[in-house]
């Protein structure tokens, strides 16, 4: 499978909360990686997220308030032995670029 990403992924664990398709119930998750235009994360519980639009509140170190993002789910997979799932999201706008650059500098890249 070809990797068509325009931006390098940075492996990092950040907490986030999300809601799908305008639902008021929030789920919790932790990122696995972030790039300039998307991220992967693992949810704590299984949710109906296939083709969902997500509103995400990402907790970023050194930011005074959560970063609010609107994403589109592009892939899902089960977590072995757990009750959560792995989720890949894509941003239509490259709003994570500044976060990705800051993480890259912190990592020493």
PDB file of N, CA and C in Angstrom:
ATOM      1  N   UNK A   1       0.845  -1.188   0.000  1.00  0.00           N
ATOM      2  CA  UNK A   1       0.000   0.000   0.000  1.00  0.00           C
ATOM      3  C   UNK A   1       0.884   1.243   0.000  1.00  0.00           C
ATOM      4  N   UNK A   2       0.599   2.171  -0.900  1.00  0.00           N
ATOM      5  CA  UNK A   2       1.371   3.405  -0.998  1.00  0.00           C
ATOM      6  C   UNK A   2       1.009   4.353   0.128  1.00  0.00           C
ATOM      7  N   UNK A   3       2.035   4.994   0.684  1.00  0.00           N
ATOM      8  CA  UNK A   3       1.816   6.021   1.700  1.00  0.00           C
ATOM      9  C   UNK A   3       1.752   7.351   0.964  1.00  0.00           C
ATOM     10  N   UNK A   4       0.569   7.949   0.869  1.00  0.00           N
ATOM     11  CA  UNK A   4       0.369   9.169   0.103  1.00  0.00           C
ATOM     12  C   UNK A   4       0.388  10.412   0.974  1.00  0.00           C
ATOM     13  N   UNK A   5       0.936  10.338   2.167  1.00  0.00           N
ATOM     14  CA  UNK A   5       0.939  11.493   3.063  1.00  0.00           C
ATOM     15  C   UNK A   5       1.878  12.577   2.538  1.00  0.00           C
ATOM     16  N   UNK A   6       1.444  13.819   2.685  1.00  0.00           N
ATOM     17  CA  UNK A   6       2.267  14.961   2.290  1.00  0.00           C
ATOM     18  C   UNK A   6       3.194  15.379   3.421  1.00  0.00           C
ATOM     19  N   UNK A   7       2.839  15.025   4.668  1.00  0.00           N
ATOM     20  CA  UNK A   7       3.587  15.461   5.832  1.00  0.00           C
ATOM     21  C   UNK A   7       4.055  14.258   6.626  1.00  0.00           C
ATOM     22  N   UNK A   8       5.229  14.384   7.228  1.00  0.00           N
ATOM     23  CA  UNK A   8       5.749  13.314   8.071  1.00  0.00           C
ATOM     24  C   UNK A   8       4.906  13.176   9.333  1.00  0.00           C
ATOM     25  N   UNK A   9       4.709  11.927   9.759  1.00  0.00           N
ATOM     26  CA  UNK A   9       3.983  11.675  11.008  1.00  0.00           C
ATOM     27  C   UNK A   9       4.946  11.767  12.178  1.00  0.00           C
ATOM     28  N   UNK A  10       4.482  12.365  13.264  1.00  0.00           N
ATOM     29  CA  UNK A  10       5.255  12.465  14.490  1.00  0.00           C
ATOM     30  C   UNK A  10       4.532  11.644  15.537  1.00  0.00           C
ATOM     31  N   UNK A  11       5.195  10.624  16.050  1.00  0.00           N
ATOM     32  CA  UNK A  11       4.580   9.788  17.077  1.00  0.00           C
ATOM     33  C   UNK A  11       4.539  10.570  18.387  1.00  0.00           C
ATOM     34  N   UNK A  12       3.345  10.716  18.933  1.00  0.00           N
ATOM     35  CA  UNK A  12       3.177  11.454  20.187  1.00  0.00           C
ATOM     36  C   UNK A  12       1.858  11.052  20.836  1.00  0.00           C
ATOM     37  N   UNK A  13       1.816  11.144  22.145  1.00  0.00           N
ATOM     38  CA  UNK A  13       0.604  10.824  22.893  1.00  0.00           C
ATOM     39  C   UNK A  13       0.062  12.098  23.523  1.00  0.00           C
ATOM     40  N   UNK A  14      -1.105  12.520  23.006  1.00  0.00           N
ATOM     41  CA  UNK A  14      -1.804  13.681  23.538  1.00  0.00           C
ATOM     42  C   UNK A  14      -3.247  13.276  23.801  1.00  0.00           C
ATOM     43  N   UNK A  15      -3.819  13.791  24.867  1.00  0.00           N
ATOM     44  CA  UNK A  15      -5.218  13.498  25.188  1.00  0.00           C
ATOM     45  C   UNK A  15      -6.144  14.330  24.314  1.00  0.00           C
ATOM     46  N   UNK A  16      -7.286  13.749  24.004  1.00  0.00           N
ATOM     47  CA  UNK A  16      -8.294  14.483  23.251  1.00  0.00           C
ATOM     48  C   UNK A  16      -9.684  14.001  23.615  1.00  0.00           C
ATOM     49  N   UNK A  17     -10.660  14.846  23.329  1.00  0.00           N
ATOM     50  CA  UNK A  17     -12.074  14.503  23.451  1.00  0.00           C
ATOM     51  C   UNK A  17     -12.691  14.740  22.086  1.00  0.00           C
ATOM     52  N   UNK A  18     -13.699  13.954  21.750  1.00  0.00           N
ATOM     53  CA  UNK A  18     -14.324  14.107  20.446  1.00  0.00           C
ATOM     54  C   UNK A  18     -15.817  13.834  20.514  1.00  0.00           C
ATOM     55  N   UNK A  19     -16.531  14.396  19.557  1.00  0.00           N
ATOM     56  CA  UNK A  19     -17.937  14.067  19.358  1.00  0.00           C
ATOM     57  C   UNK A  19     -18.130  13.864  17.862  1.00  0.00           C
ATOM     58  N   UNK A  20     -19.037  12.952  17.508  1.00  0.00           N
ATOM     59  CA  UNK A  20     -19.242  12.586  16.110  1.00  0.00           C
ATOM     60  C   UNK A  20     -20.567  13.105  15.593  1.00  0.00           C
ATOM     61  N   UNK A  21     -20.529  13.642  14.383  1.00  0.00           N
ATOM     62  CA  UNK A  21     -21.733  14.056  13.657  1.00  0.00           C
ATOM     63  C   UNK A  21     -22.660  14.932  14.485  1.00  0.00           C
ATOM     64  N   UNK A  22     -22.105  15.873  15.241  1.00  0.00           N
ATOM     65  CA  UNK A  22     -22.910  16.805  16.021  1.00  0.00           C
ATOM     66  C   UNK A  22     -23.499  16.242  17.299  1.00  0.00           C
ATOM     67  N   UNK A  23     -23.160  15.010  17.647  1.00  0.00           N
ATOM     68  CA  UNK A  23     -23.653  14.388  18.877  1.00  0.00           C
ATOM     69  C   UNK A  23     -23.062  15.112  20.081  1.00  0.00           C
ATOM     70  N   UNK A  24     -23.833  15.283  21.148  1.00  0.00           N
ATOM     71  CA  UNK A  24     -23.329  15.974  22.333  1.00  0.00           C
ATOM     72  C   UNK A  24     -22.512  15.052  23.234  1.00  0.00           C
ATOM     73  N   UNK A  25     -22.669  13.725  23.096  1.00  0.00           N
ATOM     74  CA  UNK A  25     -21.890  12.787  23.900  1.00  0.00           C
ATOM     75  C   UNK A  25     -20.442  12.787  23.407  1.00  0.00           C
ATOM     76  N   UNK A  26     -19.514  12.954  24.353  1.00  0.00           N
ATOM     77  CA  UNK A  26     -18.096  13.004  23.995  1.00  0.00           C
ATOM     78  C   UNK A  26     -17.406  11.688  24.311  1.00  0.00           C
ATOM     79  N   UNK A  27     -16.471  11.329  23.458  1.00  0.00           N
ATOM     80  CA  UNK A  27     -15.601  10.193  23.696  1.00  0.00           C
ATOM     81  C   UNK A  27     -14.225  10.706  24.069  1.00  0.00           C
ATOM     82  N   UNK A  28     -13.416   9.840  24.667  1.00  0.00           N
ATOM     83  CA  UNK A  28     -12.047  10.197  25.027  1.00  0.00           C
ATOM     84  C   UNK A  28     -11.078   9.311  24.263  1.00  0.00           C
ATOM     85  N   UNK A  29      -9.904   9.860  23.963  1.00  0.00           N
ATOM     86  CA  UNK A  29      -8.914   9.119  23.194  1.00  0.00           C
ATOM     87  C   UNK A  29      -7.527   9.679  23.454  1.00  0.00           C
ATOM     88  N   UNK A  30      -6.528   9.013  22.859  1.00  0.00           N
ATOM     89  CA  UNK A  30      -5.140   9.463  22.949  1.00  0.00           C
ATOM     90  C   UNK A  30      -4.517   9.320  21.563  1.00  0.00           C
ATOM     91  N   UNK A  31      -3.821  10.359  21.121  1.00  0.00           N
ATOM     92  CA  UNK A  31      -3.198  10.313  19.800  1.00  0.00           C
ATOM     93  C   UNK A  31      -2.082   9.270  19.767  1.00  0.00           C
ATOM     94  N   UNK A  32      -1.846   8.744  18.568  1.00  0.00           N
ATOM     95  CA  UNK A  32      -0.691   7.878  18.328  1.00  0.00           C
ATOM     96  C   UNK A  32       0.330   8.618  17.478  1.00  0.00           C
ATOM     97  N   UNK A  33      -0.180   9.444  16.564  1.00  0.00           N
ATOM     98  CA  UNK A  33       0.699  10.246  15.717  1.00  0.00           C
ATOM     99  C   UNK A  33      -0.070  11.440  15.162  1.00  0.00           C
ATOM    100  N   UNK A  34       0.691  12.462  14.781  1.00  0.00           N
ATOM    101  CA  UNK A  34       0.125  13.694  14.231  1.00  0.00           C
ATOM    102  C   UNK A  34       0.971  14.114  13.041  1.00  0.00           C
ATOM    103  N   UNK A  35       0.304  14.630  11.999  1.00  0.00           N
ATOM    104  CA  UNK A  35       1.017  15.233  10.879  1.00  0.00           C
ATOM    105  C   UNK A  35       0.399  16.600  10.625  1.00  0.00           C
ATOM    106  N   UNK A  36       0.803  17.263   9.573  1.00  0.00           N
ATOM    107  CA  UNK A  36       0.291  18.593   9.296  1.00  0.00           C
ATOM    108  C   UNK A  36      -1.174  18.631   8.931  1.00  0.00           C
ATOM    109  N   UNK A  37      -1.719  17.502   8.439  1.00  0.00           N
ATOM    110  CA  UNK A  37      -3.116  17.531   8.007  1.00  0.00           C
ATOM    111  C   UNK A  37      -3.949  16.347   8.508  1.00  0.00           C
ATOM    112  N   UNK A  38      -3.507  15.709   9.579  1.00  0.00           N
ATOM    113  CA  UNK A  38      -4.294  14.610  10.130  1.00  0.00           C
ATOM    114  C   UNK A  38      -3.655  14.020  11.365  1.00  0.00           C
ATOM    115  N   UNK A  39      -4.307  12.983  11.890  1.00  0.00           N
ATOM    116  CA  UNK A  39      -3.761  12.302  13.064  1.00  0.00           C
ATOM    117  C   UNK A  39      -4.389  10.931  13.205  1.00  0.00           C
ATOM    118  N   UNK A  40      -3.717  10.107  13.981  1.00  0.00           N
ATOM    119  CA  UNK A  40      -4.263   8.824  14.372  1.00  0.00           C
ATOM    120  C   UNK A  40      -4.455   8.849  15.882  1.00  0.00           C
ATOM    121  N   UNK A  41      -5.503   8.160  16.345  1.00  0.00           N
ATOM    122  CA  UNK A  41      -5.714   8.076  17.782  1.00  0.00           C
ATOM    123  C   UNK A  41      -6.420   6.783  18.139  1.00  0.00           C
ATOM    124  N   UNK A  42      -6.372   6.448  19.425  1.00  0.00           N
ATOM    125  CA  UNK A  42      -7.022   5.245  19.942  1.00  0.00           C
ATOM    126  C   UNK A  42      -8.084   5.687  20.944  1.00  0.00           C
ATOM    127  N   UNK A  43      -9.313   5.227  20.730  1.00  0.00           N
ATOM    128  CA  UNK A  43     -10.413   5.579  21.625  1.00  0.00           C
ATOM    129  C   UNK A  43     -10.417   4.649  22.840  1.00  0.00           C
ATOM    130  N   UNK A  44     -11.034   5.091  23.909  1.00  0.00           N
ATOM    131  CA  UNK A  44     -11.135   4.270  25.114  1.00  0.00           C
ATOM    132  C   UNK A  44     -12.282   3.274  25.014  1.00  0.00           C
ATOM    133  N   UNK A  45     -13.297   3.602  24.184  1.00  0.00           N
ATOM    134  CA  UNK A  45     -14.446   2.725  23.963  1.00  0.00           C
ATOM    135  C   UNK A  45     -14.753   2.708  22.470  1.00  0.00           C
ATOM    136  N   UNK A  46     -15.514   1.728  22.037  1.00  0.00           N
ATOM    137  CA  UNK A  46     -15.904   1.648  20.631  1.00  0.00           C
ATOM    138  C   UNK A  46     -17.064   2.596  20.353  1.00  0.00           C
ATOM    139  N   UNK A  47     -16.977   3.303  19.228  1.00  0.00           N
ATOM    140  CA  UNK A  47     -18.003   4.264  18.817  1.00  0.00           C
ATOM    141  C   UNK A  47     -18.352   4.005  17.355  1.00  0.00           C
ATOM    142  N   UNK A  48     -19.501   4.443  16.921  1.00  0.00           N
ATOM    143  CA  UNK A  48     -19.897   4.369  15.507  1.00  0.00           C
ATOM    144  C   UNK A  48     -19.285   5.566  14.792  1.00  0.00           C
ATOM    145  N   UNK A  49     -18.120   5.358  14.186  1.00  0.00           N
ATOM    146  CA  UNK A  49     -17.399   6.482  13.582  1.00  0.00           C
ATOM    147  C   UNK A  49     -17.170   6.339  12.088  1.00  0.00           C
ATOM    148  N   UNK A  50     -17.678   5.288  11.472  1.00  0.00           N
ATOM    149  CA  UNK A  50     -17.469   5.085  10.044  1.00  0.00           C
ATOM    150  C   UNK A  50     -18.011   6.273   9.257  1.00  0.00           C
ATOM    151  N   UNK A  51     -17.155   6.897   8.463  1.00  0.00           N
ATOM    152  CA  UNK A  51     -17.500   8.077   7.652  1.00  0.00           C
ATOM    153  C   UNK A  51     -18.012   9.248   8.475  1.00  0.00           C
ATOM    154  N   UNK A  52     -17.621   9.336   9.726  1.00  0.00           N
ATOM    155  CA  UNK A  52     -18.117  10.402  10.612  1.00  0.00           C
ATOM    156  C   UNK A  52     -17.327  11.693  10.433  1.00  0.00           C
ATOM    157  N   UNK A  53     -18.004  12.778  10.713  1.00  0.00           N
ATOM    158  CA  UNK A  53     -17.350  14.076  10.871  1.00  0.00           C
ATOM    159  C   UNK A  53     -17.161  14.256  12.371  1.00  0.00           C
ATOM    160  N   UNK A  54     -15.952  14.612  12.797  1.00  0.00           N
ATOM    161  CA  UNK A  54     -15.647  14.726  14.214  1.00  0.00           C
ATOM    162  C   UNK A  54     -15.327  16.157  14.595  1.00  0.00           C
ATOM    163  N   UNK A  55     -15.742  16.518  15.789  1.00  0.00           N
ATOM    164  CA  UNK A  55     -15.279  17.744  16.429  1.00  0.00           C
ATOM    165  C   UNK A  55     -14.348  17.285  17.533  1.00  0.00           C
ATOM    166  N   UNK A  56     -13.090  17.721  17.461  1.00  0.00           N
ATOM    167  CA  UNK A  56     -12.060  17.251  18.384  1.00  0.00           C
ATOM    168  C   UNK A  56     -11.526  18.413  19.204  1.00  0.00           C
ATOM    169  N   UNK A  57     -11.320  18.143  20.480  1.00  0.00           N
ATOM    170  CA  UNK A  57     -10.700  19.083  21.400  1.00  0.00           C
ATOM    171  C   UNK A  57      -9.378  18.446  21.829  1.00  0.00           C
ATOM    172  N   UNK A  58      -8.278  18.914  21.252  1.00  0.00           N
ATOM    173  CA  UNK A  58      -6.952  18.333  21.458  1.00  0.00           C
ATOM    174  C   UNK A  58      -6.200  19.111  22.531  1.00  0.00           C
ATOM    175  N   UNK A  59      -5.714  18.394  23.555  1.00  0.00           N
ATOM    176  CA  UNK A  59      -4.953  19.021  24.635  1.00  0.00           C
ATOM    177  C   UNK A  59      -3.478  19.009  24.263  1.00  0.00           C
ATOM    178  N   UNK A  60      -2.945  20.183  23.946  1.00  0.00           N
ATOM    179  CA  UNK A  60      -1.563  20.311  23.484  1.00  0.00           C
ATOM    180  C   UNK A  60      -0.733  20.985  24.563  1.00  0.00           C
ATOM    181  N   UNK A  61       0.412  20.379  24.953  1.00  0.00           N
ATOM    182  CA  UNK A  61       1.280  21.019  25.952  1.00  0.00           C
ATOM    183  C   UNK A  61       1.697  22.421  25.501  1.00  0.00           C
ATOM    184  N   UNK A  62       1.780  23.324  26.428  1.00  0.00           N
ATOM    185  CA  UNK A  62       2.182  24.712  26.191  1.00  0.00           C
ATOM    186  C   UNK A  62       1.125  25.553  25.471  1.00  0.00           C
ATOM    187  N   UNK A  63      -0.061  24.994  25.194  1.00  0.00           N
ATOM    188  CA  UNK A  63      -1.183  25.769  24.686  1.00  0.00           C
ATOM    189  C   UNK A  63      -2.073  26.066  25.879  1.00  0.00           C
ATOM    190  N   UNK A  64      -2.637  27.247  25.937  1.00  0.00           N
ATOM    191  CA  UNK A  64      -3.443  27.650  27.093  1.00  0.00           C
ATOM    192  C   UNK A  64      -4.824  27.028  27.102  1.00  0.00           C
ATOM    193  N   UNK A  65      -5.322  26.655  25.938  1.00  0.00           N
ATOM    194  CA  UNK A  65      -6.646  26.038  25.864  1.00  0.00           C
ATOM    195  C   UNK A  65      -6.605  24.944  24.800  1.00  0.00           C
ATOM    196  N   UNK A  66      -7.556  24.030  24.836  1.00  0.00           N
ATOM    197  CA  UNK A  66      -7.561  22.946  23.845  1.00  0.00           C
ATOM    198  C   UNK A  66      -7.671  23.495  22.419  1.00  0.00           C
ATOM    199  N   UNK A  67      -7.054  22.798  21.487  1.00  0.00           N
ATOM    200  CA  UNK A  67      -7.126  23.135  20.071  1.00  0.00           C
ATOM    201  C   UNK A  67      -8.365  22.452  19.503  1.00  0.00           C
ATOM    202  N   UNK A  68      -9.303  23.235  18.985  1.00  0.00           N
ATOM    203  CA  UNK A  68     -10.561  22.687  18.456  1.00  0.00           C
ATOM    204  C   UNK A  68     -10.410  22.438  16.963  1.00  0.00           C
ATOM    205  N   UNK A  69     -10.705  21.210  16.552  1.00  0.00           N
ATOM    206  CA  UNK A  69     -10.521  20.791  15.170  1.00  0.00           C
ATOM    207  C   UNK A  69     -11.781  20.129  14.635  1.00  0.00           C
ATOM    208  N   UNK A  70     -11.971  20.213  13.332  1.00  0.00           N
ATOM    209  CA  UNK A  70     -13.039  19.475  12.664  1.00  0.00           C
ATOM    210  C   UNK A  70     -12.361  18.538  11.682  1.00  0.00           C
ATOM    211  N   UNK A  71     -12.610  17.245  11.874  1.00  0.00           N
ATOM    212  CA  UNK A  71     -11.943  16.221  11.090  1.00  0.00           C
ATOM    213  C   UNK A  71     -12.948  15.303  10.421  1.00  0.00           C
ATOM    214  N   UNK A  72     -12.438  14.515   9.481  1.00  0.00           N
ATOM    215  CA  UNK A  72     -13.223  13.494   8.809  1.00  0.00           C
ATOM    216  C   UNK A  72     -12.514  12.155   9.012  1.00  0.00           C
ATOM    217  N   UNK A  73     -13.244  11.143   9.481  1.00  0.00           N
ATOM    218  CA  UNK A  73     -12.670   9.810   9.685  1.00  0.00           C
ATOM    219  C   UNK A  73     -12.375   9.188   8.321  1.00  0.00           C
ATOM    220  N   UNK A  74     -11.136   8.711   8.130  1.00  0.00           N
ATOM    221  CA  UNK A  74     -10.765   8.079   6.863  1.00  0.00           C
ATOM    222  C   UNK A  74     -10.495   6.588   7.011  1.00  0.00           C
ATOM    223  N   UNK A  75     -10.220   6.120   8.221  1.00  0.00           N
ATOM    224  CA  UNK A  75     -10.085   4.682   8.444  1.00  0.00           C
ATOM    225  C   UNK A  75     -10.317   4.342   9.912  1.00  0.00           C
ATOM    226  N   UNK A  76     -10.717   3.094  10.161  1.00  0.00           N
ATOM    227  CA  UNK A  76     -10.959   2.557  11.507  1.00  0.00           C
ATOM    228  C   UNK A  76     -10.403   1.143  11.579  1.00  0.00           C
ATOM    229  N   UNK A  77      -9.949   0.743  12.758  1.00  0.00           N
ATOM    230  CA  UNK A  77      -9.579  -0.655  12.984  1.00  0.00           C
ATOM    231  C   UNK A  77      -9.778  -0.990  14.456  1.00  0.00           C
ATOM    232  N   UNK A  78      -9.971  -2.265  14.730  1.00  0.00           N
ATOM    233  CA  UNK A  78     -10.192  -2.710  16.106  1.00  0.00           C
ATOM    234  C   UNK A  78      -8.875  -2.742  16.869  1.00  0.00           C
ATOM    235  N   UNK A  79      -8.968  -2.542  18.181  1.00  0.00           N
ATOM    236  CA  UNK A  79      -7.807  -2.684  19.060  1.00  0.00           C
ATOM    237  C   UNK A  79      -7.869  -4.099  19.611  1.00  0.00           C
ATOM    238  N   UNK A  80      -6.819  -4.859  19.381  1.00  0.00           N
ATOM    239  CA  UNK A  80      -6.806  -6.237  19.861  1.00  0.00           C
ATOM    240  C   UNK A  80      -6.852  -6.283  21.377  1.00  0.00           C
ATOM    241  N   UNK A  81      -7.763  -7.094  21.898  1.00  0.00           N
ATOM    242  CA  UNK A  81      -7.861  -7.291  23.336  1.00  0.00           C
ATOM    243  C   UNK A  81      -8.405  -6.112  24.109  1.00  0.00           C
ATOM    244  N   UNK A  82      -8.849  -5.071  23.428  1.00  0.00           N
ATOM    245  CA  UNK A  82      -9.368  -3.891  24.114  1.00  0.00           C
ATOM    246  C   UNK A  82     -10.775  -3.565  23.665  1.00  0.00           C
ATOM    247  N   UNK A  83     -11.360  -2.574  24.291  1.00  0.00           N
ATOM    248  CA  UNK A  83     -12.708  -2.194  23.906  1.00  0.00           C
ATOM    249  C   UNK A  83     -12.732  -0.903  23.090  1.00  0.00           C
ATOM    250  N   UNK A  84     -11.572  -0.389  22.745  1.00  0.00           N
ATOM    251  CA  UNK A  84     -11.493   0.819  21.932  1.00  0.00           C
ATOM    252  C   UNK A  84     -11.242   0.497  20.478  1.00  0.00           C
ATOM    253  N   UNK A  85     -10.894   1.526  19.709  1.00  0.00           N
ATOM    254  CA  UNK A  85     -10.586   1.345  18.301  1.00  0.00           C
ATOM    255  C   UNK A  85      -9.542   2.361  17.865  1.00  0.00           C
ATOM    256  N   UNK A  86      -8.809   2.009  16.809  1.00  0.00           N
ATOM    257  CA  UNK A  86      -7.850   2.932  16.208  1.00  0.00           C
ATOM    258  C   UNK A  86      -8.589   3.712  15.136  1.00  0.00           C
ATOM    259  N   UNK A  87      -8.317   5.011  15.071  1.00  0.00           N
ATOM    260  CA  UNK A  87      -9.015   5.902  14.148  1.00  0.00           C
ATOM    261  C   UNK A  87      -7.992   6.775  13.426  1.00  0.00           C
ATOM    262  N   UNK A  88      -8.170   6.931  12.134  1.00  0.00           N
ATOM    263  CA  UNK A  88      -7.365   7.863  11.357  1.00  0.00           C
ATOM    264  C   UNK A  88      -8.258   8.965  10.841  1.00  0.00           C
ATOM    265  N   UNK A  89      -7.853  10.220  11.043  1.00  0.00           N
ATOM    266  CA  UNK A  89      -8.658  11.351  10.601  1.00  0.00           C
ATOM    267  C   UNK A  89      -7.851  12.258   9.681  1.00  0.00           C
ATOM    268  N   UNK A  90      -8.567  12.953   8.821  1.00  0.00           N
ATOM    269  CA  UNK A  90      -7.964  13.891   7.881  1.00  0.00           C
ATOM    270  C   UNK A  90      -8.602  15.260   8.076  1.00  0.00           C
ATOM    271  N   UNK A  91      -7.777  16.275   8.109  1.00  0.00           N
ATOM    272  CA  UNK A  91      -8.257  17.657   8.201  1.00  0.00           C
ATOM    273  C   UNK A  91      -8.332  18.249   6.798  1.00  0.00           C
ATOM    274  N   UNK A  92      -9.424  18.911   6.505  1.00  0.00           N
ATOM    275  CA  UNK A  92      -9.537  19.599   5.220  1.00  0.00           C
ATOM    276  C   UNK A  92      -8.594  20.805   5.190  1.00  0.00           C
ATOM    277  N   UNK A  93      -8.435  21.453   6.330  1.00  0.00           N
ATOM    278  CA  UNK A  93      -7.493  22.569   6.461  1.00  0.00           C
ATOM    279  C   UNK A  93      -6.298  22.061   7.252  1.00  0.00           C
ATOM    280  N   UNK A  94      -5.128  22.537   6.939  1.00  0.00           N
ATOM    281  CA  UNK A  94      -3.914  22.064   7.592  1.00  0.00           C
ATOM    282  C   UNK A  94      -3.694  22.786   8.924  1.00  0.00           C
ATOM    283  N   UNK A  95      -4.662  22.647   9.829  1.00  0.00           N
ATOM    284  CA  UNK A  95      -4.610  23.356  11.108  1.00  0.00           C
ATOM    285  C   UNK A  95      -3.624  22.740  12.082  1.00  0.00           C
ATOM    286  N   UNK A  96      -3.208  21.516  11.856  1.00  0.00           N
ATOM    287  CA  UNK A  96      -2.250  20.886  12.762  1.00  0.00           C
ATOM    288  C   UNK A  96      -0.799  21.202  12.395  1.00  0.00           C
ATOM    289  N   UNK A  97      -0.585  21.948  11.337  1.00  0.00           N
ATOM    290  CA  UNK A  97       0.780  22.223  10.889  1.00  0.00           C
ATOM    291  C   UNK A  97       1.623  22.844  12.002  1.00  0.00           C
ATOM    292  N   UNK A  98       1.107  23.855  12.705  1.00  0.00           N
ATOM    293  CA  UNK A  98       1.876  24.492  13.774  1.00  0.00           C
ATOM    294  C   UNK A  98       2.159  23.524  14.912  1.00  0.00           C
ATOM    295  N   UNK A  99       1.180  22.692  15.260  1.00  0.00           N
ATOM    296  CA  UNK A  99       1.376  21.695  16.318  1.00  0.00           C
ATOM    297  C   UNK A  99       2.434  20.693  15.885  1.00  0.00           C
ATOM    298  N   UNK A 100       2.329  20.196  14.655  1.00  0.00           N
ATOM    299  CA  UNK A 100       3.300  19.225  14.148  1.00  0.00           C
ATOM    300  C   UNK A 100       4.711  19.817  14.133  1.00  0.00           C
ATOM    301  N   UNK A 101       4.847  21.076  13.696  1.00  0.00           N
ATOM    302  CA  UNK A 101       6.163  21.718  13.672  1.00  0.00           C
ATOM    303  C   UNK A 101       6.731  21.880  15.079  1.00  0.00           C
ATOM    304  N   UNK A 102       5.898  22.263  16.036  1.00  0.00           N
ATOM    305  CA  UNK A 102       6.358  22.416  17.419  1.00  0.00           C
ATOM    306  C   UNK A 102       6.804  21.070  17.988  1.00  0.00           C
ATOM    307  N   UNK A 103       6.048  20.008  17.716  1.00  0.00           N
ATOM    308  CA  UNK A 103       6.423  18.673  18.203  1.00  0.00           C
ATOM    309  C   UNK A 103       7.714  18.204  17.551  1.00  0.00           C
ATOM    310  N   UNK A 104       7.885  18.504  16.270  1.00  0.00           N
ATOM    311  CA  UNK A 104       9.087  18.105  15.554  1.00  0.00           C
ATOM    312  C   UNK A 104      10.323  18.794  16.157  1.00  0.00           C
ATOM    313  N   UNK A 105      10.211  20.089  16.467  1.00  0.00           N
ATOM    314  CA  UNK A 105      11.328  20.823  17.067  1.00  0.00           C
ATOM    315  C   UNK A 105      11.640  20.268  18.460  1.00  0.00           C
ATOM    316  N   UNK A 106      10.590  19.960  19.221  1.00  0.00           N
ATOM    317  CA  UNK A 106      10.766  19.416  20.576  1.00  0.00           C
ATOM    318  C   UNK A 106      11.475  18.068  20.528  1.00  0.00           C
ATOM    319  N   UNK A 107      11.163  17.289  19.488  1.00  0.00           N
ATOM    320  CA  UNK A 107      11.747  15.960  19.302  1.00  0.00           C
ATOM    321  C   UNK A 107      13.215  16.069  18.862  1.00  0.00           C
ATOM    322  N   UNK A 108      13.571  17.236  18.302  1.00  0.00           N
ATOM    323  CA  UNK A 108      14.948  17.432  17.866  1.00  0.00           C
ATOM    324  C   UNK A 108      15.141  17.154  16.400  1.00  0.00           C
ATOM    325  N   UNK A 109      14.033  17.262  15.626  1.00  0.00           N
ATOM    326  CA  UNK A 109      14.059  16.931  14.195  1.00  0.00           C
ATOM    327  C   UNK A 109      14.494  18.026  13.316  1.00  0.00           C
TER     328      UNK A 109
END
